[in-house]
N, C-alpha and C. Protein backbone atom coordinates (compact mmCIF):
# COMPACT_ATOMS: atom_id res chain seq x y z
N MET A 1 105.07 95.17 91.22
CA MET A 1 104.67 95.70 89.95
C MET A 1 105.89 95.68 89.03
N LYS A 2 105.74 95.05 87.89
CA LYS A 2 106.88 94.93 86.97
C LYS A 2 107.26 96.26 86.33
N LYS A 3 106.28 97.04 85.92
CA LYS A 3 106.57 98.35 85.34
C LYS A 3 105.48 99.32 85.77
N PRO A 4 105.81 100.58 85.90
CA PRO A 4 104.81 101.57 86.30
C PRO A 4 103.74 101.74 85.22
N ILE A 5 102.55 102.07 85.64
CA ILE A 5 101.49 102.39 84.69
C ILE A 5 101.07 103.83 84.93
N ASN A 6 100.54 104.45 83.90
CA ASN A 6 100.16 105.85 84.05
C ASN A 6 98.64 106.00 84.20
N LEU A 7 98.22 107.19 84.53
CA LEU A 7 96.81 107.46 84.77
C LEU A 7 95.97 107.20 83.53
N GLU A 8 96.51 107.50 82.37
CA GLU A 8 95.78 107.26 81.12
C GLU A 8 95.46 105.77 80.94
N GLN A 9 96.40 104.90 81.28
CA GLN A 9 96.16 103.46 81.18
C GLN A 9 95.04 103.03 82.12
N ILE A 10 95.00 103.60 83.30
CA ILE A 10 93.93 103.27 84.25
C ILE A 10 92.59 103.78 83.73
N LYS A 11 92.56 105.01 83.23
CA LYS A 11 91.32 105.58 82.72
C LYS A 11 90.78 104.80 81.52
N ASN A 12 91.67 104.26 80.71
CA ASN A 12 91.25 103.53 79.51
C ASN A 12 90.84 102.09 79.79
N ASN A 13 91.01 101.63 81.01
CA ASN A 13 90.65 100.26 81.37
C ASN A 13 89.23 100.25 81.93
N HIS A 14 88.31 99.55 81.26
CA HIS A 14 86.90 99.57 81.67
C HIS A 14 86.69 99.00 83.07
N LYS A 15 87.57 98.12 83.53
CA LYS A 15 87.44 97.54 84.87
C LYS A 15 87.85 98.54 85.96
N LEU A 16 88.60 99.56 85.58
CA LEU A 16 89.09 100.53 86.56
C LEU A 16 88.46 101.92 86.40
N SER A 17 87.62 102.09 85.42
CA SER A 17 87.07 103.42 85.13
C SER A 17 86.17 103.97 86.23
N LYS A 18 85.74 103.13 87.14
CA LYS A 18 84.86 103.58 88.23
C LYS A 18 85.63 103.93 89.51
N LEU A 19 86.94 103.82 89.49
CA LEU A 19 87.73 104.18 90.67
C LEU A 19 87.44 105.62 91.07
N ALA A 20 87.28 105.85 92.35
CA ALA A 20 86.90 107.18 92.84
C ALA A 20 87.93 108.24 92.45
N PHE A 21 89.22 107.91 92.49
CA PHE A 21 90.21 108.95 92.20
C PHE A 21 90.24 109.34 90.73
N ILE A 22 89.63 108.55 89.86
CA ILE A 22 89.52 108.90 88.44
C ILE A 22 88.54 110.07 88.29
N LYS A 23 87.53 110.10 89.11
CA LYS A 23 86.49 111.12 89.01
C LYS A 23 86.84 112.41 89.76
N GLN A 24 87.89 112.39 90.56
CA GLN A 24 88.32 113.56 91.33
C GLN A 24 89.26 114.42 90.49
N ARG A 25 89.29 115.69 90.79
CA ARG A 25 90.23 116.58 90.11
C ARG A 25 91.65 116.41 90.63
N LYS A 26 91.77 116.10 91.92
CA LYS A 26 93.08 115.95 92.54
C LYS A 26 93.33 114.48 92.85
N LEU A 27 94.56 114.08 92.67
CA LEU A 27 94.96 112.71 92.97
C LEU A 27 95.38 112.62 94.43
N PHE A 28 94.84 111.67 95.15
CA PHE A 28 95.19 111.49 96.55
C PHE A 28 95.13 110.02 96.91
N VAL A 29 95.62 109.68 98.08
CA VAL A 29 95.66 108.29 98.53
C VAL A 29 94.28 107.89 99.02
N MET A 30 93.82 106.73 98.54
CA MET A 30 92.53 106.21 98.98
C MET A 30 92.50 104.70 98.78
N PRO A 31 91.66 104.01 99.51
CA PRO A 31 91.60 102.55 99.36
C PRO A 31 90.97 102.15 98.03
N ILE A 32 91.40 100.99 97.52
CA ILE A 32 90.76 100.40 96.34
C ILE A 32 90.46 98.94 96.65
N LEU A 33 89.59 98.36 95.87
CA LEU A 33 89.23 96.96 96.06
C LEU A 33 90.36 96.04 95.59
N LYS A 34 90.41 94.86 96.15
CA LYS A 34 91.42 93.86 95.78
C LYS A 34 91.36 93.56 94.28
N LYS A 35 90.14 93.43 93.72
CA LYS A 35 90.02 93.13 92.29
C LYS A 35 90.56 94.28 91.44
N GLU A 36 90.42 95.52 91.90
CA GLU A 36 90.96 96.66 91.18
C GLU A 36 92.49 96.65 91.24
N TRP A 37 93.04 96.34 92.40
CA TRP A 37 94.49 96.25 92.54
C TRP A 37 95.04 95.15 91.63
N ASN A 38 94.37 94.01 91.59
CA ASN A 38 94.80 92.91 90.74
C ASN A 38 94.80 93.32 89.27
N GLU A 39 93.84 94.11 88.86
CA GLU A 39 93.78 94.59 87.48
C GLU A 39 94.95 95.54 87.20
N ILE A 40 95.29 96.39 88.14
CA ILE A 40 96.44 97.29 87.98
C ILE A 40 97.72 96.48 87.83
N ILE A 41 97.89 95.46 88.64
CA ILE A 41 99.07 94.59 88.53
C ILE A 41 99.09 93.91 87.17
N LYS A 42 97.95 93.46 86.71
CA LYS A 42 97.86 92.79 85.40
C LYS A 42 98.29 93.74 84.28
N ILE A 43 97.85 94.98 84.35
CA ILE A 43 98.25 95.98 83.34
C ILE A 43 99.77 96.18 83.37
N SER A 44 100.34 96.23 84.55
CA SER A 44 101.78 96.49 84.67
C SER A 44 102.63 95.35 84.12
N GLU A 45 102.05 94.17 84.04
CA GLU A 45 102.80 93.01 83.56
C GLU A 45 102.76 92.87 82.04
N ASN A 46 101.96 93.65 81.38
CA ASN A 46 101.88 93.58 79.90
C ASN A 46 102.92 94.46 79.26
């Protein structure tokens, strides 16, 4: 990852808005899909 991204950036991305940890009150470790991870990497490169 070139630069860190914050939770707001993830919430504002329509491709990531369905991530389970977005809907939870507490942030915790959980699996995500490969396409979701690729989108996170893409955001970090901008």
